């Protein structure tokens, strides 16, 4: 397992399962698994919308909403970019 301590997310990448487990987003603790596809979709969406005023909202478990300011979106995009590099092709 590879530990990732990003600016906004903390988690571990499991090489055997090719999955990233998000353990923390901002200040919130979670156990959310992101597949390569999910990570790419989230990255692409945030990258397209990172300059929008008002920020964005991401959800955990489709229930817990996490508001992100513009600068936080940029940090999360950077963190997800690091995670994407870990996934096997």
N, C-alpha and C. Protein backbone atom coordinates (compact mmCIF):
# COMPACT_ATOMS: atom_id res chain seq x y z
N UNK A 1 0.84 -1.18 0.00
CA UNK A 1 0.00 0.00 0.00
C UNK A 1 0.89 1.24 0.00
N UNK A 2 0.39 2.25 -0.69
CA UNK A 2 1.11 3.52 -0.78
C UNK A 2 0.27 4.59 -0.09
N UNK A 3 0.86 5.25 0.89
CA UNK A 3 0.18 6.32 1.62
C UNK A 3 0.26 7.62 0.82
N UNK A 4 -0.85 8.31 0.70
CA UNK A 4 -0.90 9.60 0.02
C UNK A 4 -1.42 10.63 1.02
N UNK A 5 -0.60 11.63 1.28
CA UNK A 5 -0.97 12.73 2.16
C UNK A 5 -1.01 13.99 1.31
N UNK A 6 -2.18 14.27 0.76
CA UNK A 6 -2.33 15.44 -0.10
C UNK A 6 -2.71 16.67 0.69
N UNK A 7 -2.96 17.73 -0.02
CA UNK A 7 -3.37 18.99 0.61
C UNK A 7 -4.79 18.91 1.14
N UNK A 8 -5.66 18.18 0.43
CA UNK A 8 -7.06 18.09 0.84
C UNK A 8 -7.51 16.66 1.13
N UNK A 9 -6.82 15.68 0.55
CA UNK A 9 -7.21 14.29 0.80
C UNK A 9 -6.04 13.49 1.35
N UNK A 10 -6.39 12.52 2.17
CA UNK A 10 -5.44 11.56 2.72
C UNK A 10 -6.01 10.19 2.43
N UNK A 11 -5.15 9.25 2.04
CA UNK A 11 -5.64 7.91 1.77
C UNK A 11 -4.51 6.97 1.42
N UNK A 12 -4.90 5.77 1.00
CA UNK A 12 -3.93 4.75 0.62
C UNK A 12 -4.31 4.16 -0.73
N UNK A 13 -3.28 3.90 -1.52
CA UNK A 13 -3.47 3.23 -2.80
C UNK A 13 -3.08 1.77 -2.62
N UNK A 14 -3.98 0.87 -2.99
CA UNK A 14 -3.75 -0.57 -2.90
C UNK A 14 -3.37 -1.07 -4.29
N UNK A 15 -2.10 -1.43 -4.44
CA UNK A 15 -1.61 -1.88 -5.75
C UNK A 15 -2.27 -3.18 -6.20
N UNK A 16 -2.54 -4.08 -5.27
CA UNK A 16 -3.12 -5.37 -5.62
C UNK A 16 -4.53 -5.21 -6.20
N UNK A 17 -5.33 -4.33 -5.60
CA UNK A 17 -6.70 -4.13 -6.06
C UNK A 17 -6.84 -2.95 -7.02
N UNK A 18 -5.76 -2.19 -7.20
CA UNK A 18 -5.76 -1.02 -8.08
C UNK A 18 -6.88 -0.06 -7.67
N UNK A 19 -6.93 0.24 -6.35
CA UNK A 19 -7.96 1.12 -5.80
C UNK A 19 -7.31 2.11 -4.83
N UNK A 20 -7.94 3.27 -4.75
CA UNK A 20 -7.49 4.28 -3.79
C UNK A 20 -8.58 4.45 -2.74
N UNK A 21 -8.22 4.30 -1.48
CA UNK A 21 -9.17 4.49 -0.39
C UNK A 21 -8.93 5.86 0.22
N UNK A 22 -9.94 6.71 0.10
CA UNK A 22 -9.88 8.04 0.69
C UNK A 22 -10.21 7.88 2.17
N UNK A 23 -9.31 8.35 3.02
CA UNK A 23 -9.52 8.24 4.46
C UNK A 23 -9.91 9.58 5.09
N UNK A 24 -9.58 10.67 4.38
CA UNK A 24 -9.93 11.98 4.89
C UNK A 24 -10.08 12.96 3.74
N UNK A 25 -11.12 13.79 3.79
CA UNK A 25 -11.32 14.88 2.84
C UNK A 25 -11.50 16.14 3.68
N UNK A 26 -10.65 17.12 3.42
CA UNK A 26 -10.61 18.32 4.27
C UNK A 26 -10.43 17.85 5.70
N UNK A 27 -11.35 18.11 6.56
CA UNK A 27 -11.24 17.72 7.97
C UNK A 27 -12.14 16.54 8.32
N UNK A 28 -12.77 15.93 7.31
CA UNK A 28 -13.73 14.86 7.56
C UNK A 28 -13.12 13.48 7.32
N UNK A 29 -13.33 12.60 8.27
CA UNK A 29 -12.84 11.23 8.16
C UNK A 29 -13.86 10.39 7.38
N UNK A 30 -13.35 9.52 6.50
CA UNK A 30 -14.21 8.69 5.67
C UNK A 30 -13.49 7.40 5.31
N UNK A 31 -14.17 6.50 4.68
CA UNK A 31 -13.59 5.28 4.09
C UNK A 31 -14.27 5.10 2.74
N UNK A 32 -13.85 5.85 1.77
CA UNK A 32 -14.45 5.84 0.44
C UNK A 32 -13.45 5.30 -0.56
N UNK A 33 -13.83 4.29 -1.32
CA UNK A 33 -12.94 3.69 -2.32
C UNK A 33 -13.21 4.32 -3.68
N UNK A 34 -12.14 4.76 -4.33
CA UNK A 34 -12.23 5.32 -5.68
C UNK A 34 -11.54 4.38 -6.66
N UNK A 35 -12.28 3.95 -7.66
CA UNK A 35 -11.67 3.18 -8.74
C UNK A 35 -10.95 4.16 -9.66
N UNK A 36 -10.19 3.64 -10.57
CA UNK A 36 -9.48 4.48 -11.53
C UNK A 36 -10.47 5.35 -12.30
N UNK A 37 -11.55 4.76 -12.76
CA UNK A 37 -12.57 5.48 -13.53
C UNK A 37 -13.21 6.59 -12.71
N UNK A 38 -13.56 6.31 -11.47
CA UNK A 38 -14.17 7.32 -10.61
C UNK A 38 -13.21 8.48 -10.35
N UNK A 39 -11.96 8.15 -10.13
CA UNK A 39 -10.95 9.18 -9.89
C UNK A 39 -10.80 10.07 -11.12
N UNK A 40 -10.76 9.46 -12.29
CA UNK A 40 -10.64 10.21 -13.54
C UNK A 40 -11.85 11.11 -13.76
N UNK A 41 -13.05 10.59 -13.50
CA UNK A 41 -14.27 11.37 -13.70
C UNK A 41 -14.31 12.57 -12.76
N UNK A 42 -13.96 12.37 -11.51
CA UNK A 42 -13.95 13.45 -10.54
C UNK A 42 -12.89 14.49 -10.91
N UNK A 43 -11.72 14.03 -11.29
CA UNK A 43 -10.64 14.92 -11.70
C UNK A 43 -11.08 15.77 -12.90
N UNK A 44 -11.62 15.10 -13.93
CA UNK A 44 -12.03 15.81 -15.15
C UNK A 44 -13.12 16.84 -14.85
N UNK A 45 -14.10 16.45 -14.04
CA UNK A 45 -15.18 17.37 -13.70
C UNK A 45 -14.65 18.61 -12.97
N UNK A 46 -13.84 18.37 -11.95
CA UNK A 46 -13.31 19.49 -11.17
C UNK A 46 -12.38 20.37 -12.00
N UNK A 47 -11.61 19.74 -12.88
CA UNK A 47 -10.70 20.50 -13.74
C UNK A 47 -11.50 21.45 -14.65
N UNK A 48 -12.60 20.97 -15.19
CA UNK A 48 -13.44 21.79 -16.07
C UNK A 48 -14.11 22.94 -15.32
N UNK A 49 -14.39 22.74 -14.05
CA UNK A 49 -15.17 23.71 -13.28
C UNK A 49 -14.37 24.42 -12.19
N UNK A 50 -13.05 24.29 -12.21
CA UNK A 50 -12.26 24.82 -11.10
C UNK A 50 -12.26 26.35 -11.03
N UNK A 51 -12.58 27.03 -12.09
CA UNK A 51 -12.55 28.49 -12.11
C UNK A 51 -13.92 29.13 -11.87
N UNK A 52 -14.95 28.31 -11.69
CA UNK A 52 -16.30 28.85 -11.49
C UNK A 52 -16.42 29.52 -10.13
N UNK A 53 -17.09 30.67 -10.14
CA UNK A 53 -17.33 31.36 -8.88
C UNK A 53 -18.29 30.54 -8.03
N UNK A 54 -18.10 30.63 -6.74
CA UNK A 54 -18.98 29.91 -5.83
C UNK A 54 -18.49 28.53 -5.47
N UNK A 55 -17.46 28.04 -6.16
CA UNK A 55 -16.90 26.73 -5.84
C UNK A 55 -17.75 25.57 -6.31
N UNK A 56 -17.53 24.43 -5.71
CA UNK A 56 -18.24 23.20 -6.04
C UNK A 56 -18.58 22.48 -4.74
N UNK A 57 -19.42 21.47 -4.85
CA UNK A 57 -19.76 20.63 -3.71
C UNK A 57 -19.53 19.18 -4.12
N UNK A 58 -18.77 18.44 -3.32
CA UNK A 58 -18.62 17.01 -3.55
C UNK A 58 -19.35 16.29 -2.43
N UNK A 59 -19.77 15.05 -2.71
CA UNK A 59 -20.50 14.31 -1.69
C UNK A 59 -19.78 13.02 -1.35
N UNK A 60 -19.92 12.64 -0.09
CA UNK A 60 -19.44 11.34 0.38
C UNK A 60 -20.67 10.51 0.69
N UNK A 61 -20.66 9.29 0.24
CA UNK A 61 -21.79 8.37 0.47
C UNK A 61 -23.09 8.90 -0.12
N UNK A 62 -23.02 9.83 -1.06
CA UNK A 62 -24.20 10.46 -1.63
C UNK A 62 -25.07 11.11 -0.57
N UNK A 63 -24.50 11.43 0.57
CA UNK A 63 -25.26 12.03 1.66
C UNK A 63 -24.56 13.25 2.26
N UNK A 64 -23.27 13.13 2.52
CA UNK A 64 -22.53 14.18 3.19
C UNK A 64 -21.95 15.13 2.15
N UNK A 65 -22.40 16.38 2.16
CA UNK A 65 -21.95 17.36 1.18
C UNK A 65 -20.77 18.15 1.73
N UNK A 66 -19.73 18.28 0.90
CA UNK A 66 -18.54 19.01 1.29
C UNK A 66 -18.34 20.18 0.32
N UNK A 67 -18.56 21.40 0.80
CA UNK A 67 -18.35 22.56 -0.07
C UNK A 67 -16.86 22.82 -0.28
N UNK A 68 -16.50 23.16 -1.50
CA UNK A 68 -15.12 23.47 -1.83
C UNK A 68 -15.04 24.85 -2.44
N UNK A 69 -14.16 25.68 -1.91
CA UNK A 69 -13.90 26.98 -2.48
C UNK A 69 -12.98 26.80 -3.69
N UNK A 70 -12.84 27.84 -4.49
CA UNK A 70 -12.05 27.75 -5.72
C UNK A 70 -10.62 27.26 -5.45
N UNK A 71 -9.97 27.80 -4.42
CA UNK A 71 -8.60 27.37 -4.12
C UNK A 71 -8.55 25.91 -3.64
N UNK A 72 -9.61 25.47 -2.95
CA UNK A 72 -9.66 24.08 -2.50
C UNK A 72 -9.87 23.13 -3.68
N UNK A 73 -10.62 23.58 -4.67
CA UNK A 73 -10.81 22.76 -5.87
C UNK A 73 -9.47 22.54 -6.55
N UNK A 74 -8.68 23.59 -6.64
CA UNK A 74 -7.36 23.47 -7.27
C UNK A 74 -6.46 22.51 -6.48
N UNK A 75 -6.54 22.56 -5.16
CA UNK A 75 -5.76 21.64 -4.33
C UNK A 75 -6.23 20.20 -4.53
N UNK A 76 -7.55 20.00 -4.59
CA UNK A 76 -8.09 18.66 -4.79
C UNK A 76 -7.73 18.12 -6.17
N UNK A 77 -7.76 18.97 -7.19
CA UNK A 77 -7.36 18.56 -8.54
C UNK A 77 -5.90 18.10 -8.51
N UNK A 78 -5.07 18.85 -7.83
CA UNK A 78 -3.66 18.47 -7.71
C UNK A 78 -3.50 17.12 -6.99
N UNK A 79 -4.22 16.95 -5.88
CA UNK A 79 -4.18 15.68 -5.14
C UNK A 79 -4.65 14.51 -6.00
N UNK A 80 -5.75 14.70 -6.72
CA UNK A 80 -6.28 13.63 -7.57
C UNK A 80 -5.32 13.31 -8.72
N UNK A 81 -4.62 14.32 -9.21
CA UNK A 81 -3.61 14.09 -10.23
C UNK A 81 -2.50 13.17 -9.73
N UNK A 82 -2.09 13.38 -8.48
CA UNK A 82 -1.09 12.50 -7.86
C UNK A 82 -1.62 11.08 -7.74
N UNK A 83 -2.88 10.95 -7.34
CA UNK A 83 -3.48 9.63 -7.17
C UNK A 83 -3.58 8.93 -8.53
N UNK A 84 -3.98 9.66 -9.57
CA UNK A 84 -4.12 9.06 -10.91
C UNK A 84 -2.83 8.44 -11.38
N UNK A 85 -1.71 9.02 -11.02
CA UNK A 85 -0.42 8.48 -11.44
C UNK A 85 -0.13 7.13 -10.83
N UNK A 86 -0.81 6.80 -9.73
CA UNK A 86 -0.58 5.52 -9.05
C UNK A 86 -1.31 4.37 -9.72
N UNK A 87 -2.45 4.66 -10.34
CA UNK A 87 -3.25 3.59 -10.94
C UNK A 87 -2.49 2.91 -12.07
N UNK A 88 -2.68 1.61 -12.17
CA UNK A 88 -2.06 0.85 -13.23
C UNK A 88 -2.86 1.02 -14.51
N UNK A 89 -2.19 1.04 -15.64
CA UNK A 89 -2.92 1.26 -16.90
C UNK A 89 -3.55 0.00 -17.43
